[in-house]
């Protein structure tokens, strides 16, 4: 299989990689990967189903949770085709247009997940610091407006990615470094000037993940300050307990992001396997673990699982 083209003729396809040095074990590696995708897709679909059908979950907090589940579902489905083709069928070839489309959806849903985590931190801030006005501040109309506004912001920010990549020439290298297409990886393959892509990509990361993480941290500083002002120890613990699920999913999302960034920045001497595994963890871990966290921590969703299981046993 040709993976390197040294002529000046523009290449017609890119090639993705599985786990370097472990190509012979692809079929075995595909088993846990398929299991993780199954858990992610079924888990997030179940969360969306329960929130849609259970009247007691028709509250702002759960609407935001449904946005998170939708982002996780989109993130999983965006990477699923190439991951399964590589590990199940050893098919690593992908056309440029398909690659550009995939990287748009991966970056879009990743940015949307970051935005939803920010929205959920504000939701927790209002619920703890101004509980009496919570229902009047976060009305259904405002929840919809917030979701639409953040979705449009991320679409407008990420939409230029495929078009700026498409204008570049790819004539020497066609081997990408992951099992799916990312903006920075495709950009590095270009044999024409990619300075605009590099600057714009950095700006998008700062405006999305950078700003969101700072605002999430700020919201929790304000929450902690408000909680420490509560006289009763039991009330303080009760207030903090409402934030545990959100804190878990924030860590599940941002810790792998930081890990991938650190590996790319300071781990150039590390084997390619480490880079690939870190990137796969970043993409697979949040969609798999987020439904588990909220299913364990949310009583209504947990009871929904129990009722569904009991109903299934009757038949």
C-alpha atoms as a PDB file:
ATOM      1  CA  UNK A   1       0.000   0.000   0.000  1.00  0.00           C
ATOM      2  CA  UNK A   2       1.570   3.348  -0.989  1.00  0.00           C
ATOM      3  CA  UNK A   3       1.728   5.715   1.925  1.00  0.00           C
ATOM      4  CA  UNK A   4       4.223   8.246   0.595  1.00  0.00           C
ATOM      5  CA  UNK A   5       4.181  10.127  -2.692  1.00  0.00           C
ATOM      6  CA  UNK A   6       7.303  12.108  -3.466  1.00  0.00           C
ATOM      7  CA  UNK A   7       6.181  13.544  -6.815  1.00  0.00           C
ATOM      8  CA  UNK A   8       4.742  17.008  -7.255  1.00  0.00           C
ATOM      9  CA  UNK A   9       1.423  15.605  -8.526  1.00  0.00           C
ATOM     10  CA  UNK A  10      -1.427  16.266  -6.145  1.00  0.00           C
ATOM     11  CA  UNK A  11      -2.430  13.158  -4.212  1.00  0.00           C
ATOM     12  CA  UNK A  12      -5.895  11.679  -4.619  1.00  0.00           C
ATOM     13  CA  UNK A  13      -6.309   9.997  -1.211  1.00  0.00           C
ATOM     14  CA  UNK A  14      -5.112  10.141   2.386  1.00  0.00           C
ATOM     15  CA  UNK A  15      -4.208   7.134   4.521  1.00  0.00           C
ATOM     16  CA  UNK A  16      -5.131   6.804   8.198  1.00  0.00           C
ATOM     17  CA  UNK A  17      -3.335   4.644  10.771  1.00  0.00           C
ATOM     18  CA  UNK A  18      -4.506   2.246  13.458  1.00  0.00           C
ATOM     19  CA  UNK A  19      -2.001   1.601  16.242  1.00  0.00           C
ATOM     20  CA  UNK A  20       1.544   1.651  14.808  1.00  0.00           C
ATOM     21  CA  UNK A  21       3.358  -1.664  15.161  1.00  0.00           C
ATOM     22  CA  UNK A  22       0.187  -3.561  16.073  1.00  0.00           C
ATOM     23  CA  UNK A  23      -1.414  -3.899  12.635  1.00  0.00           C
ATOM     24  CA  UNK A  24      -1.470  -7.717  12.926  1.00  0.00           C
ATOM     25  CA  UNK A  25      -3.668  -7.438  16.042  1.00  0.00           C
ATOM     26  CA  UNK A  26      -6.236  -5.085  14.489  1.00  0.00           C
ATOM     27  CA  UNK A  27      -9.038  -7.637  14.672  1.00  0.00           C
ATOM     28  CA  UNK A  28      -8.451  -8.130  18.414  1.00  0.00           C
ATOM     29  CA  UNK A  29      -8.154  -4.385  19.035  1.00  0.00           C
ATOM     30  CA  UNK A  30     -11.467  -3.927  17.236  1.00  0.00           C
ATOM     31  CA  UNK A  31     -13.301  -5.882  19.965  1.00  0.00           C
ATOM     32  CA  UNK A  32     -12.876  -3.316  22.811  1.00  0.00           C
ATOM     33  CA  UNK A  33     -13.299  -0.458  20.326  1.00  0.00           C
ATOM     34  CA  UNK A  34     -16.625  -1.876  19.078  1.00  0.00           C
ATOM     35  CA  UNK A  35     -17.693  -2.434  22.681  1.00  0.00           C
ATOM     36  CA  UNK A  36     -16.894   1.176  23.585  1.00  0.00           C
ATOM     37  CA  UNK A  37     -18.800   2.513  20.583  1.00  0.00           C
ATOM     38  CA  UNK A  38     -21.770   0.292  21.468  1.00  0.00           C
ATOM     39  CA  UNK A  39     -21.797   1.561  25.062  1.00  0.00           C
ATOM     40  CA  UNK A  40     -21.435   5.182  23.906  1.00  0.00           C
ATOM     41  CA  UNK A  41     -24.212   5.033  21.310  1.00  0.00           C
ATOM     42  CA  UNK A  42     -26.682   2.994  23.387  1.00  0.00           C
ATOM     43  CA  UNK A  43     -25.926   4.959  26.564  1.00  0.00           C
ATOM     44  CA  UNK A  44     -26.438   8.391  25.009  1.00  0.00           C
ATOM     45  CA  UNK A  45     -29.503   7.277  23.049  1.00  0.00           C
ATOM     46  CA  UNK A  46     -30.968   5.940  26.304  1.00  0.00           C
ATOM     47  CA  UNK A  47     -30.293   9.239  28.095  1.00  0.00           C
ATOM     48  CA  UNK A  48     -32.036  11.131  25.269  1.00  0.00           C
ATOM     49  CA  UNK A  49     -34.960   8.675  25.328  1.00  0.00           C
ATOM     50  CA  UNK A  50     -35.500   8.984  29.094  1.00  0.00           C
ATOM     51  CA  UNK A  51     -35.293  12.788  29.054  1.00  0.00           C
ATOM     52  CA  UNK A  52     -37.766  12.941  26.154  1.00  0.00           C
ATOM     53  CA  UNK A  53     -40.315  10.511  27.611  1.00  0.00           C
ATOM     54  CA  UNK A  54     -40.071  11.140  31.371  1.00  0.00           C
ATOM     55  CA  UNK A  55     -42.048  14.272  32.450  1.00  0.00           C
ATOM     56  CA  UNK A  56     -40.075  14.619  35.707  1.00  0.00           C
ATOM     57  CA  UNK A  57     -36.933  15.200  33.626  1.00  0.00           C
ATOM     58  CA  UNK A  58     -38.388  18.134  31.699  1.00  0.00           C
ATOM     59  CA  UNK A  59     -36.238  20.650  33.570  1.00  0.00           C
ATOM     60  CA  UNK A  60     -33.354  22.918  32.438  1.00  0.00           C
ATOM     61  CA  UNK A  61     -30.666  20.710  33.992  1.00  0.00           C
ATOM     62  CA  UNK A  62     -31.843  17.674  32.019  1.00  0.00           C
ATOM     63  CA  UNK A  63     -32.318  19.645  28.807  1.00  0.00           C
ATOM     64  CA  UNK A  64     -28.662  20.607  29.067  1.00  0.00           C
ATOM     65  CA  UNK A  65     -27.832  16.956  29.765  1.00  0.00           C
ATOM     66  CA  UNK A  66     -29.670  16.000  26.565  1.00  0.00           C
ATOM     67  CA  UNK A  67     -27.470  18.506  24.674  1.00  0.00           C
ATOM     68  CA  UNK A  68     -24.408  16.810  26.172  1.00  0.00           C
ATOM     69  CA  UNK A  69     -25.702  13.374  25.156  1.00  0.00           C
ATOM     70  CA  UNK A  70     -26.395  14.640  21.628  1.00  0.00           C
ATOM     71  CA  UNK A  71     -22.834  16.037  21.391  1.00  0.00           C
ATOM     72  CA  UNK A  72     -21.384  12.735  22.608  1.00  0.00           C
ATOM     73  CA  UNK A  73     -23.512  10.818  20.124  1.00  0.00           C
ATOM     74  CA  UNK A  74     -22.372  13.058  17.281  1.00  0.00           C
ATOM     75  CA  UNK A  75     -18.736  12.711  18.341  1.00  0.00           C
ATOM     76  CA  UNK A  76     -18.994   8.908  18.363  1.00  0.00           C
ATOM     77  CA  UNK A  77     -20.771   8.660  15.011  1.00  0.00           C
ATOM     78  CA  UNK A  78     -18.292  11.079  13.396  1.00  0.00           C
ATOM     79  CA  UNK A  79     -15.272   8.867  14.085  1.00  0.00           C
ATOM     80  CA  UNK A  80     -17.032   5.487  13.891  1.00  0.00           C
ATOM     81  CA  UNK A  81     -16.742   4.853  10.099  1.00  0.00           C
ATOM     82  CA  UNK A  82     -12.968   5.231   9.795  1.00  0.00           C
ATOM     83  CA  UNK A  83     -12.173   3.531  13.111  1.00  0.00           C
ATOM     84  CA  UNK A  84     -14.172   0.437  12.187  1.00  0.00           C
ATOM     85  CA  UNK A  85     -12.836   0.349   8.616  1.00  0.00           C
ATOM     86  CA  UNK A  86      -9.254   0.377   9.894  1.00  0.00           C
ATOM     87  CA  UNK A  87      -9.557  -2.127  12.728  1.00  0.00           C
ATOM     88  CA  UNK A  88     -12.122  -4.488  11.196  1.00  0.00           C
ATOM     89  CA  UNK A  89     -11.216  -4.410   7.499  1.00  0.00           C
ATOM     90  CA  UNK A  90      -7.664  -2.959   7.443  1.00  0.00           C
ATOM     91  CA  UNK A  91      -8.986  -0.264   5.080  1.00  0.00           C
ATOM     92  CA  UNK A  92      -7.104   2.946   5.789  1.00  0.00           C
ATOM     93  CA  UNK A  93      -7.749   4.909   2.605  1.00  0.00           C
ATOM     94  CA  UNK A  94      -9.996   7.981   2.690  1.00  0.00           C
ATOM     95  CA  UNK A  95     -10.763  10.596   0.038  1.00  0.00           C
ATOM     96  CA  UNK A  96      -9.858  14.241   0.803  1.00  0.00           C
ATOM     97  CA  UNK A  97     -13.483  15.413   0.730  1.00  0.00           C
ATOM     98  CA  UNK A  98     -14.579  12.656   3.138  1.00  0.00           C
ATOM     99  CA  UNK A  99     -11.629  13.519   5.375  1.00  0.00           C
ATOM    100  CA  UNK A 100     -12.504  17.239   5.397  1.00  0.00           C
ATOM    101  CA  UNK A 101     -16.132  16.411   6.241  1.00  0.00           C
ATOM    102  CA  UNK A 102     -15.099  14.104   9.082  1.00  0.00           C
ATOM    103  CA  UNK A 103     -12.739  16.625  10.648  1.00  0.00           C
ATOM    104  CA  UNK A 104     -15.496  19.269  10.523  1.00  0.00           C
ATOM    105  CA  UNK A 105     -17.952  17.077  12.432  1.00  0.00           C
ATOM    106  CA  UNK A 106     -15.351  15.896  14.969  1.00  0.00           C
ATOM    107  CA  UNK A 107     -14.230  19.444  15.764  1.00  0.00           C
ATOM    108  CA  UNK A 108     -17.811  20.734  15.727  1.00  0.00           C
ATOM    109  CA  UNK A 109     -19.147  18.197  18.226  1.00  0.00           C
ATOM    110  CA  UNK A 110     -16.027  18.528  20.390  1.00  0.00           C
ATOM    111  CA  UNK A 111     -16.511  22.309  20.540  1.00  0.00           C
ATOM    112  CA  UNK A 112     -20.217  21.788  21.239  1.00  0.00           C
ATOM    113  CA  UNK A 113     -19.433  19.461  24.141  1.00  0.00           C
ATOM    114  CA  UNK A 114     -17.124  22.089  25.637  1.00  0.00           C
ATOM    115  CA  UNK A 115     -19.869  24.716  25.267  1.00  0.00           C
ATOM    116  CA  UNK A 116     -22.478  22.470  26.886  1.00  0.00           C
ATOM    117  CA  UNK A 117     -20.169  21.845  29.856  1.00  0.00           C
ATOM    118  CA  UNK A 118     -19.847  25.627  30.217  1.00  0.00           C
ATOM    119  CA  UNK A 119     -23.643  26.061  30.061  1.00  0.00           C
ATOM    120  CA  UNK A 120     -24.092  23.330  32.674  1.00  0.00           C
ATOM    121  CA  UNK A 121     -21.623  25.079  35.009  1.00  0.00           C
ATOM    122  CA  UNK A 122     -23.727  28.255  34.791  1.00  0.00           C
ATOM    123  CA  UNK A 123     -26.826  26.146  35.445  1.00  0.00           C
ATOM    124  CA  UNK A 124     -25.227  24.810  38.654  1.00  0.00           C
ATOM    125  CA  UNK A 125     -24.152  28.347  39.622  1.00  0.00           C
ATOM    126  CA  UNK A 126     -27.713  29.677  39.316  1.00  0.00           C
ATOM    127  CA  UNK A 127     -29.213  26.632  41.093  1.00  0.00           C
ATOM    128  CA  UNK A 128     -26.883  27.073  44.096  1.00  0.00           C
ATOM    129  CA  UNK A 129     -26.472  30.848  44.278  1.00  0.00           C
ATOM    130  CA  UNK A 130     -29.993  31.912  43.309  1.00  0.00           C
ATOM    131  CA  UNK A 131     -32.293  28.896  43.797  1.00  0.00           C
ATOM    132  CA  UNK A 132     -35.491  30.923  44.279  1.00  0.00           C
ATOM    133  CA  UNK A 133     -35.173  32.505  40.846  1.00  0.00           C
ATOM    134  CA  UNK A 134     -33.836  29.405  39.088  1.00  0.00           C
ATOM    135  CA  UNK A 135     -37.099  28.537  37.309  1.00  0.00           C
ATOM    136  CA  UNK A 136     -37.732  32.146  36.243  1.00  0.00           C
ATOM    137  CA  UNK A 137     -34.179  32.642  34.920  1.00  0.00           C
ATOM    138  CA  UNK A 138     -33.835  29.340  33.044  1.00  0.00           C
ATOM    139  CA  UNK A 139     -37.166  29.102  31.261  1.00  0.00           C
ATOM    140  CA  UNK A 140     -37.674  26.592  28.444  1.00  0.00           C
ATOM    141  CA  UNK A 141     -37.476  29.425  25.895  1.00  0.00           C
ATOM    142  CA  UNK A 142     -34.150  30.621  27.301  1.00  0.00           C
ATOM    143  CA  UNK A 143     -32.753  27.087  27.361  1.00  0.00           C
ATOM    144  CA  UNK A 144     -33.620  26.710  23.669  1.00  0.00           C
ATOM    145  CA  UNK A 145     -32.120  30.120  22.844  1.00  0.00           C
ATOM    146  CA  UNK A 146     -28.918  29.287  24.720  1.00  0.00           C
ATOM    147  CA  UNK A 147     -28.567  25.944  22.942  1.00  0.00           C
ATOM    148  CA  UNK A 148     -29.199  27.450  19.496  1.00  0.00           C
ATOM    149  CA  UNK A 149     -26.831  30.390  20.141  1.00  0.00           C
ATOM    150  CA  UNK A 150     -23.920  28.180  21.190  1.00  0.00           C
ATOM    151  CA  UNK A 151     -24.580  25.757  18.317  1.00  0.00           C
ATOM    152  CA  UNK A 152     -24.515  28.571  15.755  1.00  0.00           C
ATOM    153  CA  UNK A 153     -21.357  30.019  17.314  1.00  0.00           C
ATOM    154  CA  UNK A 154     -19.521  26.713  17.011  1.00  0.00           C
ATOM    155  CA  UNK A 155     -20.777  26.030  13.477  1.00  0.00           C
ATOM    156  CA  UNK A 156     -19.613  29.460  12.314  1.00  0.00           C
ATOM    157  CA  UNK A 157     -16.219  28.955  13.946  1.00  0.00           C
ATOM    158  CA  UNK A 158     -15.601  25.418  12.638  1.00  0.00           C
ATOM    159  CA  UNK A 159     -17.218  25.780   9.186  1.00  0.00           C
ATOM    160  CA  UNK A 160     -14.150  27.443   7.576  1.00  0.00           C
ATOM    161  CA  UNK A 161     -11.948  24.433   8.479  1.00  0.00           C
ATOM    162  CA  UNK A 162     -12.790  22.163   5.505  1.00  0.00           C
ATOM    163  CA  UNK A 163     -12.742  25.064   3.041  1.00  0.00           C
ATOM    164  CA  UNK A 164      -9.353  26.369   4.184  1.00  0.00           C
ATOM    165  CA  UNK A 165      -7.967  22.814   3.998  1.00  0.00           C
ATOM    166  CA  UNK A 166      -9.447  22.271   0.549  1.00  0.00           C
ATOM    167  CA  UNK A 167      -7.592  25.273  -0.894  1.00  0.00           C
ATOM    168  CA  UNK A 168      -4.212  23.754   0.083  1.00  0.00           C
ATOM    169  CA  UNK A 169      -2.155  21.500  -2.209  1.00  0.00           C
ATOM    170  CA  UNK A 170      -1.191  18.000  -1.060  1.00  0.00           C
ATOM    171  CA  UNK A 171       1.580  16.586  -3.199  1.00  0.00           C
ATOM    172  CA  UNK A 172       4.260  14.902  -1.082  1.00  0.00           C
ATOM    173  CA  UNK A 173       2.795  13.250   2.009  1.00  0.00           C
ATOM    174  CA  UNK A 174      -0.541  11.501   2.429  1.00  0.00           C
ATOM    175  CA  UNK A 175      -0.165   9.558   5.680  1.00  0.00           C
ATOM    176  CA  UNK A 176      -2.157  10.951   8.629  1.00  0.00           C
ATOM    177  CA  UNK A 177      -1.278  10.203  12.245  1.00  0.00           C
ATOM    178  CA  UNK A 178      -4.619   9.034  13.669  1.00  0.00           C
ATOM    179  CA  UNK A 179      -7.521   6.736  12.894  1.00  0.00           C
ATOM    180  CA  UNK A 180      -9.647   9.746  11.944  1.00  0.00           C
ATOM    181  CA  UNK A 181      -9.103  13.157  10.356  1.00  0.00           C
ATOM    182  CA  UNK A 182      -8.155  16.183  12.451  1.00  0.00           C
ATOM    183  CA  UNK A 183      -7.546  19.704  11.198  1.00  0.00           C
ATOM    184  CA  UNK A 184      -3.977  19.975  12.472  1.00  0.00           C
ATOM    185  CA  UNK A 185      -2.962  16.593  11.025  1.00  0.00           C
ATOM    186  CA  UNK A 186      -4.334  17.275   7.543  1.00  0.00           C
ATOM    187  CA  UNK A 187      -2.859  20.774   7.580  1.00  0.00           C
ATOM    188  CA  UNK A 188       0.661  19.412   8.193  1.00  0.00           C
ATOM    189  CA  UNK A 189       0.480  17.311   5.004  1.00  0.00           C
ATOM    190  CA  UNK A 190       0.104  20.357   2.757  1.00  0.00           C
ATOM    191  CA  UNK A 191       2.970  21.313   0.466  1.00  0.00           C
ATOM    192  CA  UNK A 192       1.606  24.857   0.070  1.00  0.00           C
ATOM    193  CA  UNK A 193       1.614  27.642   2.647  1.00  0.00           C
ATOM    194  CA  UNK A 194      -0.636  26.696   5.599  1.00  0.00           C
ATOM    195  CA  UNK A 195       0.086  29.669   7.851  1.00  0.00           C
ATOM    196  CA  UNK A 196      -3.512  30.950   7.683  1.00  0.00           C
ATOM    197  CA  UNK A 197      -4.839  27.520   8.669  1.00  0.00           C
ATOM    198  CA  UNK A 198      -2.419  27.314  11.580  1.00  0.00           C
ATOM    199  CA  UNK A 199      -3.286  30.777  12.942  1.00  0.00           C
ATOM    200  CA  UNK A 200      -7.033  30.296  12.500  1.00  0.00           C
ATOM    201  CA  UNK A 201      -6.940  26.838  14.088  1.00  0.00           C
ATOM    202  CA  UNK A 202      -5.131  28.230  17.123  1.00  0.00           C
ATOM    203  CA  UNK A 203      -7.668  31.062  17.429  1.00  0.00           C
ATOM    204  CA  UNK A 204     -10.570  28.596  17.312  1.00  0.00           C
ATOM    205  CA  UNK A 205      -9.000  26.449  20.058  1.00  0.00           C
ATOM    206  CA  UNK A 206      -8.536  29.542  22.260  1.00  0.00           C
ATOM    207  CA  UNK A 207     -12.068  30.854  21.644  1.00  0.00           C
ATOM    208  CA  UNK A 208     -13.713  27.457  22.264  1.00  0.00           C
ATOM    209  CA  UNK A 209     -11.807  25.152  24.614  1.00  0.00           C
ATOM    210  CA  UNK A 210      -9.637  27.884  26.140  1.00  0.00           C
ATOM    211  CA  UNK A 211     -12.373  30.390  26.973  1.00  0.00           C
ATOM    212  CA  UNK A 212     -14.830  27.660  28.019  1.00  0.00           C
ATOM    213  CA  UNK A 213     -12.364  26.073  30.471  1.00  0.00           C
ATOM    214  CA  UNK A 214     -11.546  29.454  32.053  1.00  0.00           C
ATOM    215  CA  UNK A 215     -15.242  30.338  32.454  1.00  0.00           C
ATOM    216  CA  UNK A 216     -16.020  26.900  33.919  1.00  0.00           C
ATOM    217  CA  UNK A 217     -13.227  27.403  36.444  1.00  0.00           C
ATOM    218  CA  UNK A 218     -14.555  30.887  37.267  1.00  0.00           C
ATOM    219  CA  UNK A 219     -18.089  29.578  37.773  1.00  0.00           C
ATOM    220  CA  UNK A 220     -16.835  26.980  40.252  1.00  0.00           C
ATOM    221  CA  UNK A 221     -14.846  29.597  42.138  1.00  0.00           C
ATOM    222  CA  UNK A 222     -18.099  31.556  42.524  1.00  0.00           C
ATOM    223  CA  UNK A 223     -20.006  28.386  43.466  1.00  0.00           C
ATOM    224  CA  UNK A 224     -17.419  27.468  46.095  1.00  0.00           C
ATOM    225  CA  UNK A 225     -17.528  30.998  47.503  1.00  0.00           C
ATOM    226  CA  UNK A 226     -21.314  30.815  47.759  1.00  0.00           C
ATOM    227  CA  UNK A 227     -21.267  27.341  49.335  1.00  0.00           C
ATOM    228  CA  UNK A 228     -18.733  28.394  51.982  1.00  0.00           C
ATOM    229  CA  UNK A 229     -21.155  31.123  52.999  1.00  0.00           C
ATOM    230  CA  UNK A 230     -23.793  28.545  53.957  1.00  0.00           C
ATOM    231  CA  UNK A 231     -23.854  28.085  57.724  1.00  0.00           C
ATOM    232  CA  UNK A 232     -24.995  24.461  57.905  1.00  0.00           C
ATOM    233  CA  UNK A 233     -22.417  21.781  57.069  1.00  0.00           C
ATOM    234  CA  UNK A 234     -25.161  19.454  55.814  1.00  0.00           C
ATOM    235  CA  UNK A 235     -26.495  22.139  53.474  1.00  0.00           C
ATOM    236  CA  UNK A 236     -22.973  22.808  52.158  1.00  0.00           C
ATOM    237  CA  UNK A 237     -22.476  19.125  51.373  1.00  0.00           C
ATOM    238  CA  UNK A 238     -25.915  18.918  49.773  1.00  0.00           C
ATOM    239  CA  UNK A 239     -25.142  21.905  47.538  1.00  0.00           C
ATOM    240  CA  UNK A 240     -21.754  20.521  46.497  1.00  0.00           C
ATOM    241  CA  UNK A 241     -23.272  17.099  45.846  1.00  0.00           C
ATOM    242  CA  UNK A 242     -25.380  18.587  43.037  1.00  0.00           C
ATOM    243  CA  UNK A 243     -22.136  19.487  41.224  1.00  0.00           C
ATOM    244  CA  UNK A 244     -20.388  16.109  41.464  1.00  0.00           C
ATOM    245  CA  UNK A 245     -21.745  14.698  38.190  1.00  0.00           C
ATOM    246  CA  UNK A 246     -20.866  17.839  36.269  1.00  0.00           C
ATOM    247  CA  UNK A 247     -17.378  17.992  37.776  1.00  0.00           C
ATOM    248  CA  UNK A 248     -16.801  14.369  36.731  1.00  0.00           C
ATOM    249  CA  UNK A 249     -17.755  14.965  33.102  1.00  0.00           C
ATOM    250  CA  UNK A 250     -15.673  18.166  33.015  1.00  0.00           C
ATOM    251  CA  UNK A 251     -12.625  16.174  34.139  1.00  0.00           C
ATOM    252  CA  UNK A 252     -13.438  13.321  31.743  1.00  0.00           C
ATOM    253  CA  UNK A 253     -13.468  15.804  28.853  1.00  0.00           C
ATOM    254  CA  UNK A 254     -10.684  18.258  29.705  1.00  0.00           C
ATOM    255  CA  UNK A 255      -8.067  15.913  31.226  1.00  0.00           C
ATOM    256  CA  UNK A 256      -7.640  13.945  27.949  1.00  0.00           C
ATOM    257  CA  UNK A 257      -7.614  17.251  26.014  1.00  0.00           C
ATOM    258  CA  UNK A 258      -4.796  18.535  28.207  1.00  0.00           C
ATOM    259  CA  UNK A 259      -3.023  15.176  27.956  1.00  0.00           C
ATOM    260  CA  UNK A 260      -3.158  15.189  24.148  1.00  0.00           C
ATOM    261  CA  UNK A 261      -1.898  18.792  24.055  1.00  0.00           C
ATOM    262  CA  UNK A 262       0.981  17.995  26.411  1.00  0.00           C
ATOM    263  CA  UNK A 263       1.980  14.915  24.417  1.00  0.00           C
ATOM    264  CA  UNK A 264       1.956  16.868  21.148  1.00  0.00           C
ATOM    265  CA  UNK A 265       3.894  19.753  22.674  1.00  0.00           C
ATOM    266  CA  UNK A 266       6.452  17.988  24.878  1.00  0.00           C
ATOM    267  CA  UNK A 267       6.278  14.331  23.811  1.00  0.00           C
ATOM    268  CA  UNK A 268       7.858  14.472  20.365  1.00  0.00           C
ATOM    269  CA  UNK A 269      10.384  11.860  21.533  1.00  0.00           C
ATOM    270  CA  UNK A 270       7.613   9.435  22.561  1.00  0.00           C
ATOM    271  CA  UNK A 271       6.682   6.511  20.276  1.00  0.00           C
ATOM    272  CA  UNK A 272       3.843   7.146  17.754  1.00  0.00           C
ATOM    273  CA  UNK A 273       1.749   4.583  19.642  1.00  0.00           C
ATOM    274  CA  UNK A 274       1.481   6.938  22.623  1.00  0.00           C
ATOM    275  CA  UNK A 275       0.221   9.803  20.450  1.00  0.00           C
ATOM    276  CA  UNK A 276      -2.370   7.598  18.748  1.00  0.00           C
ATOM    277  CA  UNK A 277      -3.645   6.077  22.012  1.00  0.00           C
ATOM    278  CA  UNK A 278      -3.943   9.494  23.691  1.00  0.00           C
ATOM    279  CA  UNK A 279      -5.924  10.842  20.744  1.00  0.00           C
ATOM    280  CA  UNK A 280      -8.223   7.798  20.728  1.00  0.00           C
ATOM    281  CA  UNK A 281      -8.808   8.140  24.484  1.00  0.00           C
ATOM    282  CA  UNK A 282      -9.685  11.817  24.025  1.00  0.00           C
ATOM    283  CA  UNK A 283     -12.280  10.903  21.412  1.00  0.00           C
ATOM    284  CA  UNK A 284     -13.750   7.729  22.952  1.00  0.00           C
ATOM    285  CA  UNK A 285     -13.671   8.309  26.712  1.00  0.00           C
ATOM    286  CA  UNK A 286     -16.249  11.130  27.188  1.00  0.00           C
ATOM    287  CA  UNK A 287     -19.051   9.534  25.096  1.00  0.00           C
ATOM    288  CA  UNK A 288     -18.563   6.227  26.942  1.00  0.00           C
ATOM    289  CA  UNK A 289     -18.284   7.518  30.522  1.00  0.00           C
ATOM    290  CA  UNK A 290     -20.681  10.494  30.526  1.00  0.00           C
ATOM    291  CA  UNK A 291     -23.878   8.367  30.313  1.00  0.00           C
ATOM    292  CA  UNK A 292     -22.469   6.073  33.010  1.00  0.00           C
ATOM    293  CA  UNK A 293     -21.778   9.019  35.354  1.00  0.00           C
ATOM    294  CA  UNK A 294     -25.242  10.518  34.946  1.00  0.00           C
ATOM    295  CA  UNK A 295     -26.980   7.139  35.112  1.00  0.00           C
ATOM    296  CA  UNK A 296     -25.290   6.383  38.439  1.00  0.00           C
ATOM    297  CA  UNK A 297     -25.663   9.875  39.887  1.00  0.00           C
ATOM    298  CA  UNK A 298     -29.173  10.804  38.652  1.00  0.00           C
ATOM    299  CA  UNK A 299     -31.983   9.056  40.528  1.00  0.00           C
ATOM    300  CA  UNK A 300     -34.659   9.587  37.857  1.00  0.00           C
ATOM    301  CA  UNK A 301     -32.494   8.135  35.085  1.00  0.00           C
ATOM    302  CA  UNK A 302     -31.407   5.262  37.324  1.00  0.00           C
ATOM    303  CA  UNK A 303     -35.037   4.433  38.105  1.00  0.00           C
ATOM    304  CA  UNK A 304     -35.821   4.617  34.395  1.00  0.00           C
ATOM    305  CA  UNK A 305     -33.178   1.967  33.726  1.00  0.00           C
ATOM    306  CA  UNK A 306     -34.645  -0.219  36.491  1.00  0.00           C
ATOM    307  CA  UNK A 307     -38.210   0.133  35.174  1.00  0.00           C
ATOM    308  CA  UNK A 308     -37.106  -0.647  31.622  1.00  0.00           C
ATOM    309  CA  UNK A 309     -35.193  -3.714  32.782  1.00  0.00           C
ATOM    310  CA  UNK A 310     -38.109  -4.971  34.856  1.00  0.00           C
ATOM    311  CA  UNK A 311     -40.501  -4.408  31.953  1.00  0.00           C
ATOM    312  CA  UNK A 312     -38.180  -6.340  29.634  1.00  0.00           C
ATOM    313  CA  UNK A 313     -38.029  -9.276  32.052  1.00  0.00           C
ATOM    314  CA  UNK A 314     -41.822  -9.669  31.970  1.00  0.00           C
ATOM    315  CA  UNK A 315     -41.583 -10.521  28.315  1.00  0.00           C
END
